[in-house]
Amino acid sequence: MFMAAGQLVWLSLQGVAKDGSFLEINVWTAKPLTGTEAQQDLAITVARAEFDKLADGSEFEVFAKVSVDQDIEDLYAEEFPVLTVAIKSQVNPSGGGSTGGASGTGSTGGASGTGS
């Protein structure tokens, strides 16, 4: 599936919060895609504070939809394959504490995301 300029995009992350409850982070809701975004991989920024809400060592899923008819409701939007990402803590070899990392599996149909 490909996306074109002017189409509306929904992007959300879903996982388990630190308290064990369901957590959804809405990144984009009916965001119009620009011409530049439609011609290259998508790069998104999600605040680290959002990832800090997720349970340690858990996975989250990235959901993306696009409305080919520019309908602002996502009911009939086309869904991309789900991307599953694992959050992993790594111990800093120099003894300076731990750092976080993420790795994903799956396909986003030509779009990729990055977090910061």
PDB file of N, CA and C in Angstrom:
ATOM      1  N   MET A   1       0.845  -1.163   0.000  1.00  0.00           N
ATOM      2  CA  MET A   1       0.000   0.000   0.000  1.00  0.00           C
ATOM      3  C   MET A   1       0.894   1.231   0.000  1.00  0.00           C
ATOM      4  N   PHE A   2       0.509   2.217  -0.768  1.00  0.00           N
ATOM      5  CA  PHE A   2       1.256   3.458  -0.843  1.00  0.00           C
ATOM      6  C   PHE A   2       0.374   4.601  -0.380  1.00  0.00           C
ATOM      7  N   MET A   3       0.999   5.689   0.003  1.00  0.00           N
ATOM      8  CA  MET A   3       0.271   6.869   0.440  1.00  0.00           C
ATOM      9  C   MET A   3       0.553   8.005  -0.535  1.00  0.00           C
ATOM     10  N   ALA A   4      -0.421   8.918  -0.668  1.00  0.00           N
ATOM     11  CA  ALA A   4      -0.273  10.050  -1.570  1.00  0.00           C
ATOM     12  C   ALA A   4      -0.508  11.351  -0.811  1.00  0.00           C
ATOM     13  N   ALA A   5       0.051  12.419  -1.330  1.00  0.00           N
ATOM     14  CA  ALA A   5      -0.128  13.734  -0.717  1.00  0.00           C
ATOM     15  C   ALA A   5      -1.616  14.046  -0.573  1.00  0.00           C
ATOM     16  N   GLY A   6      -1.971  14.639   0.553  1.00  0.00           N
ATOM     17  CA  GLY A   6      -3.351  15.011   0.811  1.00  0.00           C
ATOM     18  C   GLY A   6      -4.163  13.946   1.525  1.00  0.00           C
ATOM     19  N   GLN A   7      -3.712  12.699   1.487  1.00  0.00           N
ATOM     20  CA  GLN A   7      -4.433  11.657   2.213  1.00  0.00           C
ATOM     21  C   GLN A   7      -4.248  11.870   3.716  1.00  0.00           C
ATOM     22  N   LEU A   8      -5.214  11.411   4.483  1.00  0.00           N
ATOM     23  CA  LEU A   8      -5.169  11.568   5.935  1.00  0.00           C
ATOM     24  C   LEU A   8      -4.594  10.315   6.578  1.00  0.00           C
ATOM     25  N   VAL A   9      -3.748  10.519   7.588  1.00  0.00           N
ATOM     26  CA  VAL A   9      -3.042   9.413   8.231  1.00  0.00           C
ATOM     27  C   VAL A   9      -3.334   9.405   9.729  1.00  0.00           C
ATOM     28  N   TRP A  10      -3.556   8.207  10.259  1.00  0.00           N
ATOM     29  CA  TRP A  10      -3.691   7.975  11.693  1.00  0.00           C
ATOM     30  C   TRP A  10      -2.520   7.105  12.116  1.00  0.00           C
ATOM     31  N   LEU A  11      -1.880   7.453  13.223  1.00  0.00           N
ATOM     32  CA  LEU A  11      -0.745   6.685  13.717  1.00  0.00           C
ATOM     33  C   LEU A  11      -0.844   6.616  15.232  1.00  0.00           C
ATOM     34  N   SER A  12      -0.817   5.402  15.770  1.00  0.00           N
ATOM     35  CA  SER A  12      -0.887   5.245  17.223  1.00  0.00           C
ATOM     36  C   SER A  12       0.021   4.114  17.682  1.00  0.00           C
ATOM     37  N   LEU A  13       0.420   4.209  18.931  1.00  0.00           N
ATOM     38  CA  LEU A  13       1.212   3.179  19.592  1.00  0.00           C
ATOM     39  C   LEU A  13       0.338   2.586  20.681  1.00  0.00           C
ATOM     40  N   GLN A  14       0.323   1.261  20.811  1.00  0.00           N
ATOM     41  CA  GLN A  14      -0.477   0.605  21.842  1.00  0.00           C
ATOM     42  C   GLN A  14       0.385  -0.400  22.578  1.00  0.00           C
ATOM     43  N   GLY A  15       0.276  -0.378  23.895  1.00  0.00           N
ATOM     44  CA  GLY A  15       1.056  -1.302  24.702  1.00  0.00           C
ATOM     45  C   GLY A  15       0.512  -1.386  26.113  1.00  0.00           C
ATOM     46  N   VAL A  16       1.365  -1.838  27.019  1.00  0.00           N
ATOM     47  CA  VAL A  16       0.998  -2.023  28.421  1.00  0.00           C
ATOM     48  C   VAL A  16       1.711  -0.964  29.255  1.00  0.00           C
ATOM     49  N   ALA A  17       0.939  -0.250  30.068  1.00  0.00           N
ATOM     50  CA  ALA A  17       1.498   0.779  30.947  1.00  0.00           C
ATOM     51  C   ALA A  17       2.199   0.136  32.139  1.00  0.00           C
ATOM     52  N   LYS A  18       2.973   0.928  32.850  1.00  0.00           N
ATOM     53  CA  LYS A  18       3.706   0.435  34.021  1.00  0.00           C
ATOM     54  C   LYS A  18       2.785  -0.199  35.059  1.00  0.00           C
ATOM     55  N   ASP A  19       1.529   0.283  35.160  1.00  0.00           N
ATOM     56  CA  ASP A  19       0.594  -0.278  36.137  1.00  0.00           C
ATOM     57  C   ASP A  19      -0.170  -1.485  35.594  1.00  0.00           C
ATOM     58  N   GLY A  20       0.164  -1.930  34.374  1.00  0.00           N
ATOM     59  CA  GLY A  20      -0.476  -3.102  33.781  1.00  0.00           C
ATOM     60  C   GLY A  20      -1.699  -2.795  32.941  1.00  0.00           C
ATOM     61  N   SER A  21      -2.121  -1.553  32.897  1.00  0.00           N
ATOM     62  CA  SER A  21      -3.298  -1.186  32.115  1.00  0.00           C
ATOM     63  C   SER A  21      -2.932  -0.972  30.643  1.00  0.00           C
ATOM     64  N   PHE A  22      -3.951  -0.931  29.793  1.00  0.00           N
ATOM     65  CA  PHE A  22      -3.773  -0.674  28.365  1.00  0.00           C
ATOM     66  C   PHE A  22      -3.339   0.775  28.176  1.00  0.00           C
ATOM     67  N   LEU A  23      -2.395   1.005  27.287  1.00  0.00           N
ATOM     68  CA  LEU A  23      -1.910   2.354  27.010  1.00  0.00           C
ATOM     69  C   LEU A  23      -1.941   2.597  25.506  1.00  0.00           C
ATOM     70  N   GLU A  24      -2.564   3.692  25.098  1.00  0.00           N
ATOM     71  CA  GLU A  24      -2.559   4.093  23.693  1.00  0.00           C
ATOM     72  C   GLU A  24      -1.995   5.500  23.596  1.00  0.00           C
ATOM     73  N   ILE A  25      -1.033   5.663  22.704  1.00  0.00           N
ATOM     74  CA  ILE A  25      -0.413   6.963  22.460  1.00  0.00           C
ATOM     75  C   ILE A  25      -0.783   7.357  21.034  1.00  0.00           C
ATOM     76  N   ASN A  26      -1.624   8.376  20.898  1.00  0.00           N
ATOM     77  CA  ASN A  26      -2.022   8.839  19.571  1.00  0.00           C
ATOM     78  C   ASN A  26      -0.984   9.829  19.071  1.00  0.00           C
ATOM     79  N   VAL A  27      -0.310   9.461  17.995  1.00  0.00           N
ATOM     80  CA  VAL A  27       0.736  10.298  17.422  1.00  0.00           C
ATOM     81  C   VAL A  27       0.139  11.234  16.376  1.00  0.00           C
ATOM     82  N   TRP A  28      -0.637  10.697  15.456  1.00  0.00           N
ATOM     83  CA  TRP A  28      -1.319  11.488  14.428  1.00  0.00           C
ATOM     84  C   TRP A  28      -2.776  11.060  14.366  1.00  0.00           C
ATOM     85  N   THR A  29      -3.670  12.032  14.242  1.00  0.00           N
ATOM     86  CA  THR A  29      -5.087  11.755  14.040  1.00  0.00           C
ATOM     87  C   THR A  29      -5.551  12.558  12.836  1.00  0.00           C
ATOM     88  N   ALA A  30      -5.837  11.889  11.739  1.00  0.00           N
ATOM     89  CA  ALA A  30      -6.291  12.516  10.496  1.00  0.00           C
ATOM     90  C   ALA A  30      -5.325  13.612  10.040  1.00  0.00           C
ATOM     91  N   LYS A  31      -4.026  13.320  10.100  1.00  0.00           N
ATOM     92  CA  LYS A  31      -3.000  14.278   9.677  1.00  0.00           C
ATOM     93  C   LYS A  31      -2.876  14.233   8.154  1.00  0.00           C
ATOM     94  N   PRO A  32      -3.028  15.388   7.479  1.00  0.00           N
ATOM     95  CA  PRO A  32      -2.836  15.400   6.026  1.00  0.00           C
ATOM     96  C   PRO A  32      -1.369  15.150   5.682  1.00  0.00           C
ATOM     97  N   LEU A  33      -1.147  14.265   4.760  1.00  0.00           N
ATOM     98  CA  LEU A  33       0.207  13.916   4.338  1.00  0.00           C
ATOM     99  C   LEU A  33       0.716  14.955   3.340  1.00  0.00           C
ATOM    100  N   THR A  34       1.932  15.438   3.553  1.00  0.00           N
ATOM    101  CA  THR A  34       2.525  16.397   2.618  1.00  0.00           C
ATOM    102  C   THR A  34       3.113  15.652   1.423  1.00  0.00           C
ATOM    103  N   GLY A  35       3.415  16.387   0.373  1.00  0.00           N
ATOM    104  CA  GLY A  35       4.031  15.787  -0.804  1.00  0.00           C
ATOM    105  C   GLY A  35       5.370  15.156  -0.485  1.00  0.00           C
ATOM    106  N   THR A  36       6.174  15.825   0.340  1.00  0.00           N
ATOM    107  CA  THR A  36       7.483  15.292   0.728  1.00  0.00           C
ATOM    108  C   THR A  36       7.327  13.999   1.515  1.00  0.00           C
ATOM    109  N   GLU A  37       6.397  13.977   2.481  1.00  0.00           N
ATOM    110  CA  GLU A  37       6.178  12.773   3.291  1.00  0.00           C
ATOM    111  C   GLU A  37       5.714  11.601   2.428  1.00  0.00           C
ATOM    112  N   ALA A  38       4.906  11.888   1.421  1.00  0.00           N
ATOM    113  CA  ALA A  38       4.373  10.827   0.565  1.00  0.00           C
ATOM    114  C   ALA A  38       5.453  10.207  -0.319  1.00  0.00           C
ATOM    115  N   GLN A  39       6.530  10.942  -0.584  1.00  0.00           N
ATOM    116  CA  GLN A  39       7.566  10.460  -1.492  1.00  0.00           C
ATOM    117  C   GLN A  39       8.734   9.786  -0.793  1.00  0.00           C
ATOM    118  N   GLN A  40       8.777   9.825   0.526  1.00  0.00           N
ATOM    119  CA  GLN A  40       9.893   9.203   1.245  1.00  0.00           C
ATOM    120  C   GLN A  40       9.370   8.509   2.494  1.00  0.00           C
ATOM    121  N   ASP A  41      10.234   7.781   3.169  1.00  0.00           N
ATOM    122  CA  ASP A  41       9.831   7.142   4.419  1.00  0.00           C
ATOM    123  C   ASP A  41       9.422   8.207   5.424  1.00  0.00           C
ATOM    124  N   LEU A  42       8.402   7.893   6.205  1.00  0.00           N
ATOM    125  CA  LEU A  42       7.960   8.825   7.236  1.00  0.00           C
ATOM    126  C   LEU A  42       8.891   8.758   8.432  1.00  0.00           C
ATOM    127  N   ALA A  43       9.208   9.889   8.986  1.00  0.00           N
ATOM    128  CA  ALA A  43       9.987   9.961  10.221  1.00  0.00           C
ATOM    129  C   ALA A  43       9.141  10.711  11.234  1.00  0.00           C
ATOM    130  N   ILE A  44       8.877  10.077  12.350  1.00  0.00           N
ATOM    131  CA  ILE A  44       8.065  10.712  13.389  1.00  0.00           C
ATOM    132  C   ILE A  44       8.900  10.873  14.642  1.00  0.00           C
ATOM    133  N   THR A  45       8.494  11.807  15.473  1.00  0.00           N
ATOM    134  CA  THR A  45       9.151  12.000  16.757  1.00  0.00           C
ATOM    135  C   THR A  45       8.115  11.796  17.851  1.00  0.00           C
ATOM    136  N   VAL A  46       8.443  10.949  18.797  1.00  0.00           N
ATOM    137  CA  VAL A  46       7.592  10.708  19.960  1.00  0.00           C
ATOM    138  C   VAL A  46       8.440  11.020  21.181  1.00  0.00           C
ATOM    139  N   ALA A  47       7.914  11.836  22.072  1.00  0.00           N
ATOM    140  CA  ALA A  47       8.666  12.231  23.261  1.00  0.00           C
ATOM    141  C   ALA A  47       9.040  11.012  24.104  1.00  0.00           C
ATOM    142  N   ARG A  48      10.236  11.031  24.637  1.00  0.00           N
ATOM    143  CA  ARG A  48      10.698   9.927  25.486  1.00  0.00           C
ATOM    144  C   ARG A  48       9.740   9.709  26.657  1.00  0.00           C
ATOM    145  N   ALA A  49       9.145  10.777  27.161  1.00  0.00           N
ATOM    146  CA  ALA A  49       8.201  10.667  28.282  1.00  0.00           C
ATOM    147  C   ALA A  49       7.047   9.729  27.947  1.00  0.00           C
ATOM    148  N   GLU A  50       6.651   9.676  26.683  1.00  0.00           N
ATOM    149  CA  GLU A  50       5.581   8.758  26.274  1.00  0.00           C
ATOM    150  C   GLU A  50       6.043   7.308  26.411  1.00  0.00           C
ATOM    151  N   PHE A  51       7.287   7.023  25.983  1.00  0.00           N
ATOM    152  CA  PHE A  51       7.819   5.664  26.090  1.00  0.00           C
ATOM    153  C   PHE A  51       8.048   5.272  27.549  1.00  0.00           C
ATOM    154  N   ASP A  52       8.355   6.249  28.390  1.00  0.00           N
ATOM    155  CA  ASP A  52       8.576   5.973  29.808  1.00  0.00           C
ATOM    156  C   ASP A  52       7.305   5.501  30.509  1.00  0.00           C
ATOM    157  N   LYS A  53       6.146   5.722  29.905  1.00  0.00           N
ATOM    158  CA  LYS A  53       4.872   5.265  30.469  1.00  0.00           C
ATOM    159  C   LYS A  53       4.678   3.762  30.281  1.00  0.00           C
ATOM    160  N   LEU A  54       5.431   3.170  29.345  1.00  0.00           N
ATOM    161  CA  LEU A  54       5.296   1.741  29.051  1.00  0.00           C
ATOM    162  C   LEU A  54       5.989   0.889  30.109  1.00  0.00           C
ATOM    163  N   ALA A  55       5.455  -0.306  30.329  1.00  0.00           N
ATOM    164  CA  ALA A  55       6.035  -1.244  31.297  1.00  0.00           C
ATOM    165  C   ALA A  55       7.438  -1.640  30.852  1.00  0.00           C
ATOM    166  N   ASP A  56       8.337  -1.765  31.814  1.00  0.00           N
ATOM    167  CA  ASP A  56       9.713  -2.163  31.529  1.00  0.00           C
ATOM    168  C   ASP A  56       9.745  -3.517  30.834  1.00  0.00           C
ATOM    169  N   GLY A  57      10.551  -3.634  29.786  1.00  0.00           N
ATOM    170  CA  GLY A  57      10.711  -4.892  29.069  1.00  0.00           C
ATOM    171  C   GLY A  57       9.520  -5.300  28.230  1.00  0.00           C
ATOM    172  N   SER A  58       8.558  -4.408  28.060  1.00  0.00           N
ATOM    173  CA  SER A  58       7.350  -4.765  27.315  1.00  0.00           C
ATOM    174  C   SER A  58       7.517  -4.481  25.824  1.00  0.00           C
ATOM    175  N   GLU A  59       6.518  -4.863  25.072  1.00  0.00           N
ATOM    176  CA  GLU A  59       6.451  -4.565  23.650  1.00  0.00           C
ATOM    177  C   GLU A  59       5.304  -3.594  23.433  1.00  0.00           C
ATOM    178  N   PHE A  60       5.372  -2.852  22.349  1.00  0.00           N
ATOM    179  CA  PHE A  60       4.226  -2.057  21.932  1.00  0.00           C
ATOM    180  C   PHE A  60       4.042  -2.256  20.435  1.00  0.00           C
ATOM    181  N   GLU A  61       2.851  -1.936  19.965  1.00  0.00           N
ATOM    182  CA  GLU A  61       2.539  -2.101  18.551  1.00  0.00           C
ATOM    183  C   GLU A  61       2.273  -0.738  17.929  1.00  0.00           C
ATOM    184  N   VAL A  62       2.702  -0.587  16.694  1.00  0.00           N
ATOM    185  CA  VAL A  62       2.495   0.642  15.942  1.00  0.00           C
ATOM    186  C   VAL A  62       1.394   0.372  14.921  1.00  0.00           C
ATOM    187  N   PHE A  63       0.337   1.169  14.995  1.00  0.00           N
ATOM    188  CA  PHE A  63      -0.797   1.034  14.085  1.00  0.00           C
ATOM    189  C   PHE A  63      -0.848   2.256  13.179  1.00  0.00           C
ATOM    190  N   ALA A  64      -0.985   2.034  11.884  1.00  0.00           N
ATOM    191  CA  ALA A  64      -1.083   3.126  10.918  1.00  0.00           C
ATOM    192  C   ALA A  64      -2.245   2.857   9.975  1.00  0.00           C
ATOM    193  N   LYS A  65      -2.979   3.926   9.665  1.00  0.00           N
ATOM    194  CA  LYS A  65      -4.102   3.849   8.725  1.00  0.00           C
ATOM    195  C   LYS A  65      -4.022   5.054   7.798  1.00  0.00           C
ATOM    196  N   VAL A  66      -4.537   4.896   6.596  1.00  0.00           N
ATOM    197  CA  VAL A  66      -4.602   6.008   5.650  1.00  0.00           C
ATOM    198  C   VAL A  66      -5.974   6.015   4.987  1.00  0.00           C
ATOM    199  N   SER A  67      -6.542   7.205   4.868  1.00  0.00           N
ATOM    200  CA  SER A  67      -7.831   7.367   4.206  1.00  0.00           C
ATOM    201  C   SER A  67      -7.576   7.753   2.756  1.00  0.00           C
ATOM    202  N   VAL A  68      -7.914   6.863   1.845  1.00  0.00           N
ATOM    203  CA  VAL A  68      -7.668   7.136   0.429  1.00  0.00           C
ATOM    204  C   VAL A  68      -8.679   8.116  -0.148  1.00  0.00           C
ATOM    205  N   ASP A  69      -9.818   8.316   0.548  1.00  0.00           N
ATOM    206  CA  ASP A  69     -10.847   9.234   0.052  1.00  0.00           C
ATOM    207  C   ASP A  69     -10.929  10.521   0.869  1.00  0.00           C
ATOM    208  N   GLN A  70      -9.943  10.772   1.723  1.00  0.00           N
ATOM    209  CA  GLN A  70      -9.836  11.969   2.564  1.00  0.00           C
ATOM    210  C   GLN A  70     -10.988  12.114   3.555  1.00  0.00           C
ATOM    211  N   ASP A  71     -11.622  11.013   3.913  1.00  0.00           N
ATOM    212  CA  ASP A  71     -12.664  11.020   4.937  1.00  0.00           C
ATOM    213  C   ASP A  71     -11.993  11.232   6.290  1.00  0.00           C
ATOM    214  N   ILE A  72     -12.503  12.179   7.100  1.00  0.00           N
ATOM    215  CA  ILE A  72     -11.855  12.473   8.383  1.00  0.00           C
ATOM    216  C   ILE A  72     -12.147  11.426   9.456  1.00  0.00           C
ATOM    217  N   GLU A  73     -13.040  10.503   9.174  1.00  0.00           N
ATOM    218  CA  GLU A  73     -13.284   9.386  10.081  1.00  0.00           C
ATOM    219  C   GLU A  73     -12.425   8.212   9.627  1.00  0.00           C
ATOM    220  N   ASP A  74     -11.846   7.488  10.574  1.00  0.00           N
ATOM    221  CA  ASP A  74     -10.957   6.383  10.196  1.00  0.00           C
ATOM    222  C   ASP A  74     -11.682   5.051  10.000  1.00  0.00           C
ATOM    223  N   LEU A  75     -12.997   5.066  10.034  1.00  0.00           N
ATOM    224  CA  LEU A  75     -13.783   3.839   9.920  1.00  0.00           C
ATOM    225  C   LEU A  75     -13.448   3.050   8.649  1.00  0.00           C
ATOM    226  N   TYR A  76     -13.270   3.734   7.541  1.00  0.00           N
ATOM    227  CA  TYR A  76     -13.002   3.053   6.271  1.00  0.00           C
ATOM    228  C   TYR A  76     -11.555   3.223   5.804  1.00  0.00           C
ATOM    229  N   ALA A  77     -10.700   3.728   6.665  1.00  0.00           N
ATOM    230  CA  ALA A  77      -9.293   3.916   6.299  1.00  0.00           C
ATOM    231  C   ALA A  77      -8.611   2.563   6.101  1.00  0.00           C
ATOM    232  N   GLU A  78      -7.664   2.526   5.187  1.00  0.00           N
ATOM    233  CA  GLU A  78      -6.885   1.317   4.916  1.00  0.00           C
ATOM    234  C   GLU A  78      -5.827   1.155   6.001  1.00  0.00           C
ATOM    235  N   GLU A  79      -5.729  -0.046   6.564  1.00  0.00           N
ATOM    236  CA  GLU A  79      -4.771  -0.301   7.639  1.00  0.00           C
ATOM    237  C   GLU A  79      -3.477  -0.878   7.083  1.00  0.00           C
ATOM    238  N   PHE A  80      -2.359  -0.386   7.591  1.00  0.00           N
ATOM    239  CA  PHE A  80      -1.053  -0.948   7.266  1.00  0.00           C
ATOM    240  C   PHE A  80      -0.794  -2.135   8.184  1.00  0.00           C
ATOM    241  N   PRO A  81       0.102  -3.034   7.803  1.00  0.00           N
ATOM    242  CA  PRO A  81       0.474  -4.121   8.716  1.00  0.00           C
ATOM    243  C   PRO A  81       1.016  -3.547  10.030  1.00  0.00           C
ATOM    244  N   VAL A  82       0.726  -4.226  11.115  1.00  0.00           N
ATOM    245  CA  VAL A  82       1.145  -3.779  12.447  1.00  0.00           C
ATOM    246  C   VAL A  82       2.639  -4.040  12.634  1.00  0.00           C
ATOM    247  N   LEU A  83       3.316  -3.087  13.242  1.00  0.00           N
ATOM    248  CA  LEU A  83       4.737  -3.214  13.573  1.00  0.00           C
ATOM    249  C   LEU A  83       4.847  -3.431  15.079  1.00  0.00           C
ATOM    250  N   THR A  84       5.507  -4.505  15.509  1.00  0.00           N
ATOM    251  CA  THR A  84       5.712  -4.787  16.931  1.00  0.00           C
ATOM    252  C   THR A  84       7.131  -4.389  17.313  1.00  0.00           C
ATOM    253  N   VAL A  85       7.246  -3.606  18.379  1.00  0.00           N
ATOM    254  CA  VAL A  85       8.541  -3.090  18.834  1.00  0.00           C
ATOM    255  C   VAL A  85       8.760  -3.504  20.283  1.00  0.00           C
ATOM    256  N   ALA A  86       9.952  -4.018  20.585  1.00  0.00           N
ATOM    257  CA  ALA A  86      10.309  -4.405  21.955  1.00  0.00           C
ATOM    258  C   ALA A  86      11.197  -3.328  22.560  1.00  0.00           C
ATOM    259  N   ILE A  87      10.900  -2.958  23.795  1.00  0.00           N
ATOM    260  CA  ILE A  87      11.726  -2.002  24.533  1.00  0.00           C
ATOM    261  C   ILE A  87      12.700  -2.812  25.368  1.00  0.00           C
ATOM    262  N   LYS A  88      13.977  -2.511  25.250  1.00  0.00           N
ATOM    263  CA  LYS A  88      14.997  -3.248  25.995  1.00  0.00           C
ATOM    264  C   LYS A  88      15.894  -2.274  26.737  1.00  0.00           C
ATOM    265  N   SER A  89      16.202  -2.586  27.977  1.00  0.00           N
ATOM    266  CA  SER A  89      17.173  -1.800  28.734  1.00  0.00           C
ATOM    267  C   SER A  89      18.530  -2.443  28.555  1.00  0.00           C
ATOM    268  N   GLN A  90      19.536  -1.614  28.411  1.00  0.00           N
ATOM    269  CA  GLN A  90      20.892  -2.111  28.248  1.00  0.00           C
ATOM    270  C   GLN A  90      21.767  -1.487  29.326  1.00  0.00           C
ATOM    271  N   VAL A  91      22.628  -2.293  29.918  1.00  0.00           N
ATOM    272  CA  VAL A  91      23.561  -1.775  30.908  1.00  0.00           C
ATOM    273  C   VAL A  91      24.726  -1.154  30.160  1.00  0.00           C
ATOM    274  N   ASN A  92      25.067   0.063  30.540  1.00  0.00           N
ATOM    275  CA  ASN A  92      26.182   0.768  29.925  1.00  0.00           C
ATOM    276  C   ASN A  92      27.481   0.092  30.341  1.00  0.00           C
ATOM    277  N   PRO A  93      28.293  -0.395  29.392  1.00  0.00           N
ATOM    278  CA  PRO A  93      29.509  -1.128  29.735  1.00  0.00           C
ATOM    279  C   PRO A  93      30.511  -0.303  30.543  1.00  0.00           C
ATOM    280  N   SER A  94      30.443   1.015  30.472  1.00  0.00           N
ATOM    281  CA  SER A  94      31.388   1.842  31.220  1.00  0.00           C
ATOM    282  C   SER A  94      30.930   2.074  32.652  1.00  0.00           C
ATOM    283  N   GLY A  95      29.817   1.446  33.035  1.00  0.00           N
ATOM    284  CA  GLY A  95      29.319   1.561  34.404  1.00  0.00           C
ATOM    285  C   GLY A  95      28.494   2.808  34.646  1.00  0.00           C
ATOM    286  N   GLY A  96      28.096   3.484  33.590  1.00  0.00           N
ATOM    287  CA  GLY A  96      27.356   4.730  33.732  1.00  0.00           C
ATOM    288  C   GLY A  96      25.857   4.561  33.781  1.00  0.00           C
ATOM    289  N   GLY A  97      25.355   3.418  34.149  1.00  0.00           N
ATOM    290  CA  GLY A  97      23.914   3.219  34.229  1.00  0.00           C
ATOM    291  C   GLY A  97      23.396   2.471  33.022  1.00  0.00           C
ATOM    292  N   SER A  98      22.102   2.605  32.781  1.00  0.00           N
ATOM    293  CA  SER A  98      21.509   1.875  31.668  1.00  0.00           C
ATOM    294  C   SER A  98      20.972   2.846  30.633  1.00  0.00           C
ATOM    295  N   THR A  99      20.853   2.349  29.435  1.00  0.00           N
ATOM    296  CA  THR A  99      20.272   3.117  28.348  1.00  0.00           C
ATOM    297  C   THR A  99      19.133   2.304  27.768  1.00  0.00           C
ATOM    298  N   GLY A 100      18.209   2.973  27.133  1.00  0.00           N
ATOM    299  CA  GLY A 100      17.078   2.273  26.539  1.00  0.00           C
ATOM    300  C   GLY A 100      17.269   2.093  25.058  1.00  0.00           C
ATOM    301  N   GLY A 101      16.623   1.094  24.527  1.00  0.00           N
ATOM    302  CA  GLY A 101      16.677   0.854  23.094  1.00  0.00           C
ATOM    303  C   GLY A 101      15.384   0.234  22.647  1.00  0.00           C
ATOM    304  N   ALA A 102      15.166   0.224  21.359  1.00  0.00           N
ATOM    305  CA  ALA A 102      13.963  -0.396  20.821  1.00  0.00           C
ATOM    306  C   ALA A 102      14.324  -1.114  19.539  1.00  0.00           C
ATOM    307  N   SER A 103      13.671  -2.237  19.319  1.00  0.00           N
ATOM    308  CA  SER A 103      13.843  -2.945  18.055  1.00  0.00           C
ATOM    309  C   SER A 103      12.477  -3.400  17.598  1.00  0.00           C
ATOM    310  N   GLY A 104      12.263  -3.398  16.294  1.00  0.00           N
ATOM    311  CA  GLY A 104      10.945  -3.737  15.792  1.00  0.00           C
ATOM    312  C   GLY A 104      10.974  -4.842  14.773  1.00  0.00           C
ATOM    313  N   THR A 105       9.828  -5.518  14.648  1.00  0.00           N
ATOM    314  CA  THR A 105       9.658  -6.526  13.620  1.00  0.00           C
ATOM    315  C   THR A 105       8.332  -6.271  12.942  1.00  0.00           C
ATOM    316  N   GLY A 106       8.267  -6.565  11.684  1.00  0.00           N
ATOM    317  CA  GLY A 106       7.018  -6.384  10.958  1.00  0.00           C
ATOM    318  C   GLY A 106       7.233  -5.458   9.785  1.00  0.00           C
ATOM    319  N   SER A 107       6.151  -5.105   9.141  1.00  0.00           N
ATOM    320  CA  SER A 107       6.224  -4.255   7.962  1.00  0.00           C
ATOM    321  C   SER A 107       5.272  -3.100   8.122  1.00  0.00           C
ATOM    322  N   THR A 108       5.706  -1.925   7.742  1.00  0.00           N
ATOM    323  CA  THR A 108       4.842  -0.756   7.801  1.00  0.00           C
ATOM    324  C   THR A 108       4.428  -0.298   6.412  1.00  0.00           C
ATOM    325  N   GLY A 109       4.588  -1.162   5.426  1.00  0.00           N
ATOM    326  CA  GLY A 109       4.119  -0.825   4.090  1.00  0.00           C
ATOM    327  C   GLY A 109       4.828   0.363   3.471  1.00  0.00           C
ATOM    328  N   GLY A 110       6.110   0.511   3.748  1.00  0.00           N
ATOM    329  CA  GLY A 110       6.861   1.598   3.151  1.00  0.00           C
ATOM    330  C   GLY A 110       7.105   2.754   4.090  1.00  0.00           C
ATOM    331  N   ALA A 111       6.486   2.777   5.248  1.00  0.00           N
ATOM    332  CA  ALA A 111       6.700   3.857   6.206  1.00  0.00           C
ATOM    333  C   ALA A 111       7.520   3.340   7.367  1.00  0.00           C
ATOM    334  N   SER A 112       8.379   4.176   7.878  1.00  0.00           N
ATOM    335  CA  SER A 112       9.153   3.777   9.050  1.00  0.00           C
ATOM    336  C   SER A 112       9.090   4.886  10.071  1.00  0.00           C
ATOM    337  N   GLY A 113       9.228   4.550  11.328  1.00  0.00           N
ATOM    338  CA  GLY A 113       9.149   5.551  12.379  1.00  0.00           C
ATOM    339  C   GLY A 113      10.374   5.535  13.246  1.00  0.00           C
ATOM    340  N   THR A 114      10.661   6.686  13.829  1.00  0.00           N
ATOM    341  CA  THR A 114      11.764   6.782  14.771  1.00  0.00           C
ATOM    342  C   THR A 114      11.262   7.480  16.014  1.00  0.00           C
ATOM    343  N   GLY A 115      11.811   7.144  17.137  1.00  0.00           N
ATOM    344  CA  GLY A 115      11.431   7.793  18.390  1.00  0.00           C
ATOM    345  C   GLY A 115      12.611   8.515  18.972  1.00  0.00           C
ATOM    346  N   SER A 116      12.323   9.502  19.807  1.00  0.00           N
ATOM    347  CA  SER A 116      13.419  10.203  20.479  1.00  0.00           C
ATOM    348  C   SER A 116      13.066  10.444  21.915  1.00  0.00           C
TER     349      SER A 116
END
